[in-house]
Amino acid sequence: MFSELIIAYLFLGGCGGGACVVAGMLGLLADGLDVQRGVGARFRDQRGSKYRQFFSALLVAATVALMLAIVCLLADLGRLDRLALLVLAPLENYLVVGAWALVASLVLCATLLVFWQGRWRFSLLVFRLVSGALVLAGVVTTLYTGLLLSSMQAVPLWHSGWLPVLFVLSSISSGLALTLLIGVFSRGGAAFGSVLGALTRLDALVIVAEGACLGLWLFSAWAAGGGESLDAPLTSTAAAALRSVTVLVGGEAAPWFWGGLVLVGLLVPFGVEGIGLGLHVTLDRVGALLRADSLALKASMAFSAACVLTGAALLRFLVVSCGLPPSATYAALIL
């Protein structure tokens, strides 16, 4: 069974990777003239300071999440020589690729953080290239853990093509929630009210896609077991698949699945962001609420973000704990 440290690693790496994707995309979509003016003034002018405050906070949050993920991985490995073997290993498995993606994401976050602080001047083209590279590194970071688990044929619950997609959607939603939280509470957030409003609606759509993918993932695991009852004669693989699905939706893990992941992690934030904010608050109105320092907006966004992050953590906990992992330990498996 994977340890609690690995579950934390999966969550933090996904959250940090999702924040990298969002930060990189916002960098690609940032107004070029504003960026160029900001570079000239080292982001100390009125408009540039808003960019500096918002992007710096987002990049710091992504960096902290990625660094904590690496700490959890190191603590689980237990020995530095295993880390050296992991870093020096050829790019032939998902974990090695993922480890390098984490490092690349950290380096790119640090590079853009220095840029937004006005300490390192880039041309607009270089800035766009670095932002695009951050998006790519973030996507790989969010994707590889799902690919790693889905490649393990010995664990039927994990051996599904829908699991990597589910992890990516969960990570992107976590990154969006973190971005919205930073935008609402940062001093520079009011300048990007329409952007934050658009991100709110985008997160609601991602949550819908995540819920659909969650259902497809469970259906694929159930179908892998033949869709039969556990009382029917089954192969060991089919029985393991059905047992995992049964534990999730109707067994001892069902309260965590339905009450935690589905209700708290998906339905509540969709209600807040999609129904509450997305339909009733215009994009310009979000900016006005931010400038007015609306307590209701801050409370609703903080609550929604907390629910999304809780759901992301529960997803990884349930995926790991309700599978039937092989007898080899995690370190032995990868090294």
C-alpha atoms as a PDB file:
ATOM      1  CA  MET A   1       0.000   0.000   0.000  1.00  0.00           C
ATOM      2  CA  PHE A   2       1.297   3.461  -0.833  1.00  0.00           C
ATOM      3  CA  SER A   3       2.048   5.503   2.265  1.00  0.00           C
ATOM      4  CA  GLU A   4       0.307   8.673   3.413  1.00  0.00           C
ATOM      5  CA  LEU A   5       3.374  10.577   2.227  1.00  0.00           C
ATOM      6  CA  ILE A   6       2.793   9.375  -1.327  1.00  0.00           C
ATOM      7  CA  ILE A   7      -0.869  10.395  -1.168  1.00  0.00           C
ATOM      8  CA  ALA A   8       0.254  13.849  -0.022  1.00  0.00           C
ATOM      9  CA  TYR A   9       2.838  13.843  -2.820  1.00  0.00           C
ATOM     10  CA  LEU A  10       0.163  13.051  -5.405  1.00  0.00           C
ATOM     11  CA  PHE A  11      -2.065  15.838  -4.101  1.00  0.00           C
ATOM     12  CA  LEU A  12       0.589  18.526  -3.706  1.00  0.00           C
ATOM     13  CA  GLY A  13       2.247  17.708  -7.022  1.00  0.00           C
ATOM     14  CA  GLY A  14      -1.105  17.852  -8.787  1.00  0.00           C
ATOM     15  CA  CYS A  15      -2.077  21.128  -7.113  1.00  0.00           C
ATOM     16  CA  GLY A  16       1.308  22.705  -7.877  1.00  0.00           C
ATOM     17  CA  GLY A  17       1.272  21.437 -11.447  1.00  0.00           C
ATOM     18  CA  GLY A  18      -2.245  22.773 -11.982  1.00  0.00           C
ATOM     19  CA  ALA A  19      -1.190  26.176 -10.646  1.00  0.00           C
ATOM     20  CA  CYS A  20       1.764  26.128 -13.066  1.00  0.00           C
ATOM     21  CA  VAL A  21      -0.578  25.475 -15.983  1.00  0.00           C
ATOM     22  CA  VAL A  22      -2.849  28.358 -14.974  1.00  0.00           C
ATOM     23  CA  ALA A  23       0.049  30.744 -14.319  1.00  0.00           C
ATOM     24  CA  GLY A  24       1.644  29.863 -17.656  1.00  0.00           C
ATOM     25  CA  MET A  25      -1.622  30.295 -19.565  1.00  0.00           C
ATOM     26  CA  LEU A  26      -2.294  33.646 -17.917  1.00  0.00           C
ATOM     27  CA  GLY A  27       1.220  34.694 -18.877  1.00  0.00           C
ATOM     28  CA  LEU A  28       0.566  33.713 -22.497  1.00  0.00           C
ATOM     29  CA  LEU A  29      -2.699  35.668 -22.479  1.00  0.00           C
ATOM     30  CA  ALA A  30      -1.354  38.729 -20.654  1.00  0.00           C
ATOM     31  CA  ASP A  31      -1.546  41.983 -22.570  1.00  0.00           C
ATOM     32  CA  GLY A  32       1.749  42.387 -24.397  1.00  0.00           C
ATOM     33  CA  LEU A  33       1.828  46.175 -24.096  1.00  0.00           C
ATOM     34  CA  ASP A  34       1.233  45.991 -20.340  1.00  0.00           C
ATOM     35  CA  VAL A  35       4.023  43.455 -19.972  1.00  0.00           C
ATOM     36  CA  GLN A  36       6.459  45.525 -22.028  1.00  0.00           C
ATOM     37  CA  ARG A  37       5.644  48.681 -20.076  1.00  0.00           C
ATOM     38  CA  GLY A  38       6.027  46.759 -16.852  1.00  0.00           C
ATOM     39  CA  VAL A  39       9.436  45.474 -17.884  1.00  0.00           C
ATOM     40  CA  GLY A  40      10.579  49.002 -18.615  1.00  0.00           C
ATOM     41  CA  ALA A  41       9.406  50.211 -15.198  1.00  0.00           C
ATOM     42  CA  ARG A  42      10.528  46.999 -13.429  1.00  0.00           C
ATOM     43  CA  PHE A  43       6.853  46.483 -12.565  1.00  0.00           C
ATOM     44  CA  ARG A  44       6.968  49.390 -10.127  1.00  0.00           C
ATOM     45  CA  ASP A  45       4.434  51.568 -11.961  1.00  0.00           C
ATOM     46  CA  GLN A  46       0.760  51.493 -10.996  1.00  0.00           C
ATOM     47  CA  ARG A  47      -0.382  48.915 -13.552  1.00  0.00           C
ATOM     48  CA  GLY A  48       2.811  46.872 -13.418  1.00  0.00           C
ATOM     49  CA  SER A  49       2.662  46.579  -9.630  1.00  0.00           C
ATOM     50  CA  LYS A  50      -0.712  44.832  -9.947  1.00  0.00           C
ATOM     51  CA  TYR A  51       0.824  42.266 -12.291  1.00  0.00           C
ATOM     52  CA  ARG A  52       3.757  41.840  -9.911  1.00  0.00           C
ATOM     53  CA  GLN A  53       1.560  41.264  -6.863  1.00  0.00           C
ATOM     54  CA  PHE A  54      -0.834  38.848  -8.547  1.00  0.00           C
ATOM     55  CA  PHE A  55       1.622  36.717 -10.512  1.00  0.00           C
ATOM     56  CA  SER A  56       4.234  36.668  -7.752  1.00  0.00           C
ATOM     57  CA  ALA A  57       1.713  35.334  -5.231  1.00  0.00           C
ATOM     58  CA  LEU A  58       0.503  32.669  -7.675  1.00  0.00           C
ATOM     59  CA  LEU A  59       4.022  31.527  -8.563  1.00  0.00           C
ATOM     60  CA  VAL A  60       5.057  31.409  -4.906  1.00  0.00           C
ATOM     61  CA  ALA A  61       2.016  29.252  -4.117  1.00  0.00           C
ATOM     62  CA  ALA A  62       2.836  26.888  -6.998  1.00  0.00           C
ATOM     63  CA  THR A  63       6.479  26.713  -5.911  1.00  0.00           C
ATOM     64  CA  VAL A  64       5.584  25.936  -2.295  1.00  0.00           C
ATOM     65  CA  ALA A  65       3.191  23.150  -3.362  1.00  0.00           C
ATOM     66  CA  LEU A  66       5.813  21.588  -5.652  1.00  0.00           C
ATOM     67  CA  MET A  67       8.549  21.819  -3.025  1.00  0.00           C
ATOM     68  CA  LEU A  68       6.318  20.195  -0.409  1.00  0.00           C
ATOM     69  CA  ALA A  69       5.538  17.427  -2.903  1.00  0.00           C
ATOM     70  CA  ILE A  70       9.247  16.797  -3.378  1.00  0.00           C
ATOM     71  CA  VAL A  71       9.758  16.770   0.396  1.00  0.00           C
ATOM     72  CA  CYS A  72       7.028  14.124   0.751  1.00  0.00           C
ATOM     73  CA  LEU A  73       8.660  12.028  -1.968  1.00  0.00           C
ATOM     74  CA  LEU A  74      12.084  12.315  -0.325  1.00  0.00           C
ATOM     75  CA  ALA A  75      10.646  11.392   3.073  1.00  0.00           C
ATOM     76  CA  ASP A  76       8.991   8.314   1.566  1.00  0.00           C
ATOM     77  CA  LEU A  77      12.141   7.227  -0.270  1.00  0.00           C
ATOM     78  CA  GLY A  78      14.023   7.551   2.999  1.00  0.00           C
ATOM     79  CA  ARG A  79      17.520   7.491   1.517  1.00  0.00           C
ATOM     80  CA  LEU A  80      19.350  10.038  -0.614  1.00  0.00           C
ATOM     81  CA  ASP A  81      20.987   7.316  -2.714  1.00  0.00           C
ATOM     82  CA  ARG A  82      17.526   6.314  -3.942  1.00  0.00           C
ATOM     83  CA  LEU A  83      16.922   9.912  -4.950  1.00  0.00           C
ATOM     84  CA  ALA A  84      20.209   9.902  -6.877  1.00  0.00           C
ATOM     85  CA  LEU A  85      19.182   6.704  -8.648  1.00  0.00           C
ATOM     86  CA  LEU A  86      15.854   8.296  -9.531  1.00  0.00           C
ATOM     87  CA  VAL A  87      17.431  11.487 -10.909  1.00  0.00           C
ATOM     88  CA  LEU A  88      20.150   9.679 -12.853  1.00  0.00           C
ATOM     89  CA  ALA A  89      17.869   6.988 -14.264  1.00  0.00           C
ATOM     90  CA  PRO A  90      17.084   7.110 -18.000  1.00  0.00           C
ATOM     91  CA  LEU A  91      13.764   8.607 -19.061  1.00  0.00           C
ATOM     92  CA  GLU A  92      12.151   5.213 -19.483  1.00  0.00           C
ATOM     93  CA  ASN A  93       9.343   5.294 -16.917  1.00  0.00           C
ATOM     94  CA  TYR A  94       6.682   7.726 -15.817  1.00  0.00           C
ATOM     95  CA  LEU A  95       8.164   8.424 -12.392  1.00  0.00           C
ATOM     96  CA  VAL A  96      11.527   9.569 -13.767  1.00  0.00           C
ATOM     97  CA  VAL A  97       9.789  11.792 -16.332  1.00  0.00           C
ATOM     98  CA  GLY A  98       7.572  13.161 -13.590  1.00  0.00           C
ATOM     99  CA  ALA A  99      10.517  13.890 -11.309  1.00  0.00           C
ATOM    100  CA  TRP A 100      12.188  15.914 -14.041  1.00  0.00           C
ATOM    101  CA  ALA A 101       8.878  17.665 -14.776  1.00  0.00           C
ATOM    102  CA  LEU A 102       8.708  18.707 -11.121  1.00  0.00           C
ATOM    103  CA  VAL A 103      12.244  20.089 -11.294  1.00  0.00           C
ATOM    104  CA  ALA A 104      11.518  21.883 -14.579  1.00  0.00           C
ATOM    105  CA  SER A 105       8.342  23.393 -13.130  1.00  0.00           C
ATOM    106  CA  LEU A 106      10.265  24.678 -10.117  1.00  0.00           C
ATOM    107  CA  VAL A 107      12.990  26.226 -12.271  1.00  0.00           C
ATOM    108  CA  LEU A 108      10.474  27.886 -14.603  1.00  0.00           C
ATOM    109  CA  CYS A 109       8.410  29.179 -11.654  1.00  0.00           C
ATOM    110  CA  ALA A 110      11.542  30.697 -10.137  1.00  0.00           C
ATOM    111  CA  THR A 111      12.497  32.247 -13.483  1.00  0.00           C
ATOM    112  CA  LEU A 112       9.101  33.880 -13.951  1.00  0.00           C
ATOM    113  CA  LEU A 113       9.022  34.982 -10.332  1.00  0.00           C
ATOM    114  CA  VAL A 114      12.304  36.850 -10.822  1.00  0.00           C
ATOM    115  CA  PHE A 115      10.874  38.328 -14.026  1.00  0.00           C
ATOM    116  CA  TRP A 116       7.680  39.606 -12.362  1.00  0.00           C
ATOM    117  CA  GLN A 117       9.751  41.072  -9.536  1.00  0.00           C
ATOM    118  CA  GLY A 118      11.526  43.203 -12.132  1.00  0.00           C
ATOM    119  CA  ARG A 119      14.938  41.769 -11.340  1.00  0.00           C
ATOM    120  CA  TRP A 120      15.496  40.073 -14.700  1.00  0.00           C
ATOM    121  CA  ARG A 121      14.405  41.643 -17.969  1.00  0.00           C
ATOM    122  CA  PHE A 122      13.097  39.446 -20.796  1.00  0.00           C
ATOM    123  CA  SER A 123      11.905  40.346 -24.222  1.00  0.00           C
ATOM    124  CA  LEU A 124       8.210  39.687 -24.755  1.00  0.00           C
ATOM    125  CA  LEU A 125       9.066  36.697 -26.968  1.00  0.00           C
ATOM    126  CA  VAL A 126      11.257  35.103 -24.295  1.00  0.00           C
ATOM    127  CA  PHE A 127       8.566  35.736 -21.707  1.00  0.00           C
ATOM    128  CA  ARG A 128       5.978  33.986 -23.880  1.00  0.00           C
ATOM    129  CA  LEU A 129       8.336  31.045 -24.468  1.00  0.00           C
ATOM    130  CA  VAL A 130       9.032  30.621 -20.749  1.00  0.00           C
ATOM    131  CA  SER A 131       5.307  30.843 -19.977  1.00  0.00           C
ATOM    132  CA  GLY A 132       4.564  28.221 -22.627  1.00  0.00           C
ATOM    133  CA  ALA A 133       7.287  25.970 -21.223  1.00  0.00           C
ATOM    134  CA  LEU A 134       5.703  26.326 -17.771  1.00  0.00           C
ATOM    135  CA  VAL A 135       2.351  25.224 -19.179  1.00  0.00           C
ATOM    136  CA  LEU A 136       3.988  22.161 -20.737  1.00  0.00           C
ATOM    137  CA  ALA A 137       5.912  21.261 -17.578  1.00  0.00           C
ATOM    138  CA  GLY A 138       2.753  21.720 -15.510  1.00  0.00           C
ATOM    139  CA  VAL A 139       0.729  19.457 -17.813  1.00  0.00           C
ATOM    140  CA  VAL A 140       3.363  16.717 -17.575  1.00  0.00           C
ATOM    141  CA  THR A 141       3.425  17.108 -13.788  1.00  0.00           C
ATOM    142  CA  THR A 142      -0.354  16.725 -13.539  1.00  0.00           C
ATOM    143  CA  LEU A 143      -0.484  13.868 -16.036  1.00  0.00           C
ATOM    144  CA  TYR A 144       2.335  11.523 -15.115  1.00  0.00           C
ATOM    145  CA  THR A 145       0.976  10.321 -11.759  1.00  0.00           C
ATOM    146  CA  GLY A 146      -2.220   9.135 -13.413  1.00  0.00           C
ATOM    147  CA  LEU A 147      -0.226   7.447 -16.154  1.00  0.00           C
ATOM    148  CA  LEU A 148       1.991   5.816 -13.538  1.00  0.00           C
ATOM    149  CA  LEU A 149      -0.962   4.350 -11.639  1.00  0.00           C
ATOM    150  CA  SER A 150      -2.900   3.359 -14.747  1.00  0.00           C
ATOM    151  CA  SER A 151       0.092   1.407 -16.058  1.00  0.00           C
ATOM    152  CA  MET A 152      -0.114  -0.998 -13.091  1.00  0.00           C
ATOM    153  CA  GLN A 153      -2.154  -3.867 -14.469  1.00  0.00           C
ATOM    154  CA  ALA A 154      -2.046  -5.650 -11.115  1.00  0.00           C
ATOM    155  CA  VAL A 155      -4.393  -3.000  -9.675  1.00  0.00           C
ATOM    156  CA  PRO A 156      -7.632  -3.111 -11.723  1.00  0.00           C
ATOM    157  CA  LEU A 157      -9.064   0.068 -10.193  1.00  0.00           C
ATOM    158  CA  TRP A 158      -6.059   1.999 -11.445  1.00  0.00           C
ATOM    159  CA  HIS A 159      -5.660   0.260 -14.797  1.00  0.00           C
ATOM    160  CA  SER A 160      -7.926   2.607 -16.759  1.00  0.00           C
ATOM    161  CA  GLY A 161      -7.305   5.223 -19.402  1.00  0.00           C
ATOM    162  CA  TRP A 162      -9.748   7.525 -17.602  1.00  0.00           C
ATOM    163  CA  LEU A 163      -7.605   7.812 -14.467  1.00  0.00           C
ATOM    164  CA  PRO A 164      -4.905  10.075 -16.003  1.00  0.00           C
ATOM    165  CA  VAL A 165      -7.612  12.336 -17.437  1.00  0.00           C
ATOM    166  CA  LEU A 166      -9.321  12.460 -14.044  1.00  0.00           C
ATOM    167  CA  PHE A 167      -6.066  13.430 -12.329  1.00  0.00           C
ATOM    168  CA  VAL A 168      -5.393  16.177 -14.886  1.00  0.00           C
ATOM    169  CA  LEU A 169      -8.871  17.669 -14.513  1.00  0.00           C
ATOM    170  CA  SER A 170      -8.625  17.520 -10.721  1.00  0.00           C
ATOM    171  CA  SER A 171      -5.212  19.212 -10.832  1.00  0.00           C
ATOM    172  CA  ILE A 172      -6.392  21.945 -13.199  1.00  0.00           C
ATOM    173  CA  SER A 173      -9.405  22.603 -10.976  1.00  0.00           C
ATOM    174  CA  SER A 174      -7.101  22.807  -7.943  1.00  0.00           C
ATOM    175  CA  GLY A 175      -4.842  25.242  -9.800  1.00  0.00           C
ATOM    176  CA  LEU A 176      -7.825  27.382 -10.773  1.00  0.00           C
ATOM    177  CA  ALA A 177      -9.167  27.359  -7.217  1.00  0.00           C
ATOM    178  CA  LEU A 178      -5.767  28.391  -5.878  1.00  0.00           C
ATOM    179  CA  THR A 179      -5.546  31.168  -8.478  1.00  0.00           C
ATOM    180  CA  LEU A 180      -9.006  32.474  -7.621  1.00  0.00           C
ATOM    181  CA  LEU A 181      -8.179  32.406  -3.931  1.00  0.00           C
ATOM    182  CA  ILE A 182      -4.989  34.387  -4.503  1.00  0.00           C
ATOM    183  CA  GLY A 183      -6.753  36.817  -6.824  1.00  0.00           C
ATOM    184  CA  VAL A 184      -9.511  37.527  -4.326  1.00  0.00           C
ATOM    185  CA  PHE A 185      -7.186  38.069  -1.370  1.00  0.00           C
ATOM    186  CA  SER A 186      -4.178  39.670  -3.084  1.00  0.00           C
ATOM    187  CA  ARG A 187      -3.893  43.425  -3.359  1.00  0.00           C
ATOM    188  CA  GLY A 188      -3.500  43.178  -7.129  1.00  0.00           C
ATOM    189  CA  GLY A 189      -6.565  41.009  -7.688  1.00  0.00           C
ATOM    190  CA  ALA A 190      -8.977  43.888  -8.213  1.00  0.00           C
ATOM    191  CA  ALA A 191      -7.179  44.826 -11.443  1.00  0.00           C
ATOM    192  CA  PHE A 192      -7.999  41.402 -12.910  1.00  0.00           C
ATOM    193  CA  GLY A 193     -11.656  41.140 -11.945  1.00  0.00           C
ATOM    194  CA  SER A 194     -12.916  40.130 -15.395  1.00  0.00           C
ATOM    195  CA  VAL A 195     -10.133  37.531 -15.690  1.00  0.00           C
ATOM    196  CA  LEU A 196     -11.017  36.053 -12.307  1.00  0.00           C
ATOM    197  CA  GLY A 197     -14.676  35.999 -13.285  1.00  0.00           C
ATOM    198  CA  ALA A 198     -13.802  34.068 -16.450  1.00  0.00           C
ATOM    199  CA  LEU A 199     -11.646  31.670 -14.415  1.00  0.00           C
ATOM    200  CA  THR A 200     -14.577  31.103 -12.064  1.00  0.00           C
ATOM    201  CA  ARG A 201     -16.774  29.970 -14.939  1.00  0.00           C
ATOM    202  CA  LEU A 202     -13.941  27.902 -16.391  1.00  0.00           C
ATOM    203  CA  ASP A 203     -13.458  26.122 -13.066  1.00  0.00           C
ATOM    204  CA  ALA A 204     -17.176  25.331 -12.966  1.00  0.00           C
ATOM    205  CA  LEU A 205     -16.876  23.723 -16.416  1.00  0.00           C
ATOM    206  CA  VAL A 206     -13.780  21.782 -15.342  1.00  0.00           C
ATOM    207  CA  ILE A 207     -15.678  20.507 -12.293  1.00  0.00           C
ATOM    208  CA  VAL A 208     -18.470  19.240 -14.563  1.00  0.00           C
ATOM    209  CA  ALA A 209     -15.914  17.486 -16.769  1.00  0.00           C
ATOM    210  CA  GLU A 210     -14.228  16.034 -13.685  1.00  0.00           C
ATOM    211  CA  GLY A 211     -17.525  14.636 -12.412  1.00  0.00           C
ATOM    212  CA  ALA A 212     -18.265  13.036 -15.785  1.00  0.00           C
ATOM    213  CA  CYS A 213     -14.759  11.576 -15.924  1.00  0.00           C
ATOM    214  CA  LEU A 214     -15.135  10.217 -12.389  1.00  0.00           C
ATOM    215  CA  GLY A 215     -18.259   8.344 -13.487  1.00  0.00           C
ATOM    216  CA  LEU A 216     -16.571   7.023 -16.621  1.00  0.00           C
ATOM    217  CA  TRP A 217     -13.565   5.854 -14.604  1.00  0.00           C
ATOM    218  CA  LEU A 218     -15.751   3.913 -12.171  1.00  0.00           C
ATOM    219  CA  PHE A 219     -17.822   2.485 -15.010  1.00  0.00           C
ATOM    220  CA  SER A 220     -14.678   1.307 -16.802  1.00  0.00           C
ATOM    221  CA  ALA A 221     -13.488  -0.421 -13.614  1.00  0.00           C
ATOM    222  CA  TRP A 222     -16.911  -2.020 -13.161  1.00  0.00           C
ATOM    223  CA  ALA A 223     -16.980  -3.096 -16.816  1.00  0.00           C
ATOM    224  CA  ALA A 224     -13.468  -4.552 -16.438  1.00  0.00           C
ATOM    225  CA  GLY A 225     -14.972  -6.882 -13.850  1.00  0.00           C
ATOM    226  CA  GLY A 226     -17.634  -7.955 -16.320  1.00  0.00           C
ATOM    227  CA  GLY A 227     -20.333  -5.950 -14.554  1.00  0.00           C
ATOM    228  CA  GLU A 228     -21.247  -9.004 -12.517  1.00  0.00           C
ATOM    229  CA  SER A 229     -22.027  -9.441  -8.837  1.00  0.00           C
ATOM    230  CA  LEU A 230     -19.262 -10.437  -6.455  1.00  0.00           C
ATOM    231  CA  ASP A 231     -21.304 -13.564  -5.734  1.00  0.00           C
ATOM    232  CA  ALA A 232     -20.865 -14.742  -9.315  1.00  0.00           C
ATOM    233  CA  PRO A 233     -17.829 -16.815 -10.316  1.00  0.00           C
ATOM    234  CA  LEU A 234     -15.131 -14.354 -11.327  1.00  0.00           C
ATOM    235  CA  THR A 235     -11.477 -14.267 -12.146  1.00  0.00           C
ATOM    236  CA  SER A 236      -9.261 -12.734  -9.463  1.00  0.00           C
ATOM    237  CA  THR A 237      -8.749  -9.605 -11.576  1.00  0.00           C
ATOM    238  CA  ALA A 238     -12.461  -9.122 -12.200  1.00  0.00           C
ATOM    239  CA  ALA A 239     -13.274  -9.723  -8.546  1.00  0.00           C
ATOM    240  CA  ALA A 240     -10.660  -7.157  -7.483  1.00  0.00           C
ATOM    241  CA  ALA A 241     -12.109  -4.573  -9.870  1.00  0.00           C
ATOM    242  CA  LEU A 242     -15.660  -5.082  -8.656  1.00  0.00           C
ATOM    243  CA  ARG A 243     -14.573  -5.154  -5.026  1.00  0.00           C
ATOM    244  CA  SER A 244     -12.832  -1.803  -5.377  1.00  0.00           C
ATOM    245  CA  VAL A 245     -15.855  -0.187  -7.025  1.00  0.00           C
ATOM    246  CA  THR A 246     -18.179  -1.679  -4.413  1.00  0.00           C
ATOM    247  CA  VAL A 247     -16.033  -0.380  -1.555  1.00  0.00           C
ATOM    248  CA  LEU A 248     -16.051   3.099  -3.121  1.00  0.00           C
ATOM    249  CA  VAL A 249     -19.731   3.527  -3.939  1.00  0.00           C
ATOM    250  CA  GLY A 250     -21.433   1.284  -1.403  1.00  0.00           C
ATOM    251  CA  GLY A 251     -18.903   0.037   1.128  1.00  0.00           C
ATOM    252  CA  GLU A 252     -16.884   1.471   3.964  1.00  0.00           C
ATOM    253  CA  ALA A 253     -15.435   4.228   1.750  1.00  0.00           C
ATOM    254  CA  ALA A 254     -18.864   5.318   0.476  1.00  0.00           C
ATOM    255  CA  PRO A 255     -19.350   8.170   3.018  1.00  0.00           C
ATOM    256  CA  TRP A 256     -15.996   9.648   1.983  1.00  0.00           C
ATOM    257  CA  PHE A 257     -16.799   9.151  -1.698  1.00  0.00           C
ATOM    258  CA  TRP A 258     -20.348  10.535  -1.745  1.00  0.00           C
ATOM    259  CA  GLY A 259     -20.152  13.001   1.133  1.00  0.00           C
ATOM    260  CA  GLY A 260     -16.552  14.081   0.688  1.00  0.00           C
ATOM    261  CA  LEU A 261     -15.506  13.792  -2.939  1.00  0.00           C
ATOM    262  CA  VAL A 262     -18.844  14.134  -4.752  1.00  0.00           C
ATOM    263  CA  LEU A 263     -20.703  16.538  -2.442  1.00  0.00           C
ATOM    264  CA  VAL A 264     -17.932  18.667  -0.940  1.00  0.00           C
ATOM    265  CA  GLY A 265     -15.361  18.355  -3.731  1.00  0.00           C
ATOM    266  CA  LEU A 266     -17.644  18.697  -6.755  1.00  0.00           C
ATOM    267  CA  LEU A 267     -21.261  19.731  -6.100  1.00  0.00           C
ATOM    268  CA  VAL A 268     -20.644  22.466  -3.535  1.00  0.00           C
ATOM    269  CA  PRO A 269     -17.951  24.359  -5.510  1.00  0.00           C
ATOM    270  CA  PHE A 270     -19.986  23.978  -8.688  1.00  0.00           C
ATOM    271  CA  GLY A 271     -22.948  25.479  -6.863  1.00  0.00           C
ATOM    272  CA  VAL A 272     -20.861  28.392  -5.615  1.00  0.00           C
ATOM    273  CA  GLU A 273     -18.869  29.065  -8.785  1.00  0.00           C
ATOM    274  CA  GLY A 274     -21.185  27.875 -11.524  1.00  0.00           C
ATOM    275  CA  ILE A 275     -24.644  28.674 -10.205  1.00  0.00           C
ATOM    276  CA  GLY A 276     -23.935  31.336  -7.588  1.00  0.00           C
ATOM    277  CA  LEU A 277     -21.186  33.382  -9.241  1.00  0.00           C
ATOM    278  CA  GLY A 278     -21.084  32.191 -12.830  1.00  0.00           C
ATOM    279  CA  LEU A 279     -24.720  32.897 -13.657  1.00  0.00           C
ATOM    280  CA  HIS A 280     -25.572  35.790 -11.379  1.00  0.00           C
ATOM    281  CA  VAL A 281     -22.384  37.858 -11.334  1.00  0.00           C
ATOM    282  CA  THR A 282     -21.087  39.420 -14.551  1.00  0.00           C
ATOM    283  CA  LEU A 283     -17.369  39.531 -15.278  1.00  0.00           C
ATOM    284  CA  ASP A 284     -17.238  43.300 -14.730  1.00  0.00           C
ATOM    285  CA  ARG A 285     -19.211  42.891 -11.506  1.00  0.00           C
ATOM    286  CA  VAL A 286     -16.502  40.603 -10.098  1.00  0.00           C
ATOM    287  CA  GLY A 287     -13.974  43.394 -10.543  1.00  0.00           C
ATOM    288  CA  ALA A 288     -16.321  45.865  -8.855  1.00  0.00           C
ATOM    289  CA  LEU A 289     -16.803  43.509  -5.899  1.00  0.00           C
ATOM    290  CA  LEU A 290     -13.041  43.082  -5.593  1.00  0.00           C
ATOM    291  CA  ARG A 291     -12.440  46.823  -5.644  1.00  0.00           C
ATOM    292  CA  ALA A 292     -15.139  47.226  -3.007  1.00  0.00           C
ATOM    293  CA  ASP A 293     -13.392  44.588  -0.903  1.00  0.00           C
ATOM    294  CA  SER A 294     -16.569  42.495  -0.749  1.00  0.00           C
ATOM    295  CA  LEU A 295     -16.510  40.187   2.268  1.00  0.00           C
ATOM    296  CA  ALA A 296     -19.228  37.985   0.733  1.00  0.00           C
ATOM    297  CA  LEU A 297     -17.166  37.418  -2.414  1.00  0.00           C
ATOM    298  CA  LYS A 298     -14.052  36.599  -0.410  1.00  0.00           C
ATOM    299  CA  ALA A 299     -15.921  34.205   1.850  1.00  0.00           C
ATOM    300  CA  SER A 300     -17.637  32.398  -1.017  1.00  0.00           C
ATOM    301  CA  MET A 301     -14.435  32.038  -3.044  1.00  0.00           C
ATOM    302  CA  ALA A 302     -12.423  30.897  -0.010  1.00  0.00           C
ATOM    303  CA  PHE A 303     -15.091  28.322   0.823  1.00  0.00           C
ATOM    304  CA  SER A 304     -15.265  27.101  -2.774  1.00  0.00           C
ATOM    305  CA  ALA A 305     -11.479  26.836  -3.072  1.00  0.00           C
ATOM    306  CA  ALA A 306     -11.273  24.911   0.203  1.00  0.00           C
ATOM    307  CA  CYS A 307     -13.905  22.476  -1.091  1.00  0.00           C
ATOM    308  CA  VAL A 308     -12.075  21.959  -4.393  1.00  0.00           C
ATOM    309  CA  LEU A 309      -8.762  21.300  -2.652  1.00  0.00           C
ATOM    310  CA  THR A 310     -10.424  18.958  -0.161  1.00  0.00           C
ATOM    311  CA  GLY A 311     -11.991  17.030  -3.032  1.00  0.00           C
ATOM    312  CA  ALA A 312      -8.635  16.773  -4.824  1.00  0.00           C
ATOM    313  CA  ALA A 313      -6.977  15.366  -1.715  1.00  0.00           C
ATOM    314  CA  LEU A 314      -9.846  12.912  -1.123  1.00  0.00           C
ATOM    315  CA  LEU A 315      -9.733  11.764  -4.734  1.00  0.00           C
ATOM    316  CA  ARG A 316      -6.124  10.656  -4.430  1.00  0.00           C
ATOM    317  CA  PHE A 317      -6.708   9.129  -1.008  1.00  0.00           C
ATOM    318  CA  LEU A 318      -9.655   7.077  -2.266  1.00  0.00           C
ATOM    319  CA  VAL A 319      -7.940   6.035  -5.497  1.00  0.00           C
ATOM    320  CA  VAL A 320      -4.930   4.736  -3.576  1.00  0.00           C
ATOM    321  CA  SER A 321      -6.686   3.230  -0.563  1.00  0.00           C
ATOM    322  CA  CYS A 322      -9.488   1.493  -2.466  1.00  0.00           C
ATOM    323  CA  GLY A 323      -7.240  -0.116  -5.046  1.00  0.00           C
ATOM    324  CA  LEU A 324      -5.557  -3.435  -4.508  1.00  0.00           C
ATOM    325  CA  PRO A 325      -1.877  -2.520  -4.840  1.00  0.00           C
ATOM    326  CA  PRO A 326       0.794  -5.115  -5.491  1.00  0.00           C
ATOM    327  CA  SER A 327       2.778  -6.515  -2.565  1.00  0.00           C
ATOM    328  CA  ALA A 328       6.006  -4.706  -3.531  1.00  0.00           C
ATOM    329  CA  THR A 329       6.675  -1.497  -1.669  1.00  0.00           C
ATOM    330  CA  TYR A 330       6.670   1.799  -3.481  1.00  0.00           C
ATOM    331  CA  ALA A 331      10.428   2.242  -3.285  1.00  0.00           C
ATOM    332  CA  ALA A 332      11.074  -1.255  -4.510  1.00  0.00           C
ATOM    333  CA  LEU A 333       8.618  -0.742  -7.339  1.00  0.00           C
ATOM    334  CA  ILE A 334      10.327   2.361  -8.718  1.00  0.00           C
ATOM    335  CA  LEU A 335      13.948   1.550  -8.007  1.00  0.00           C
END
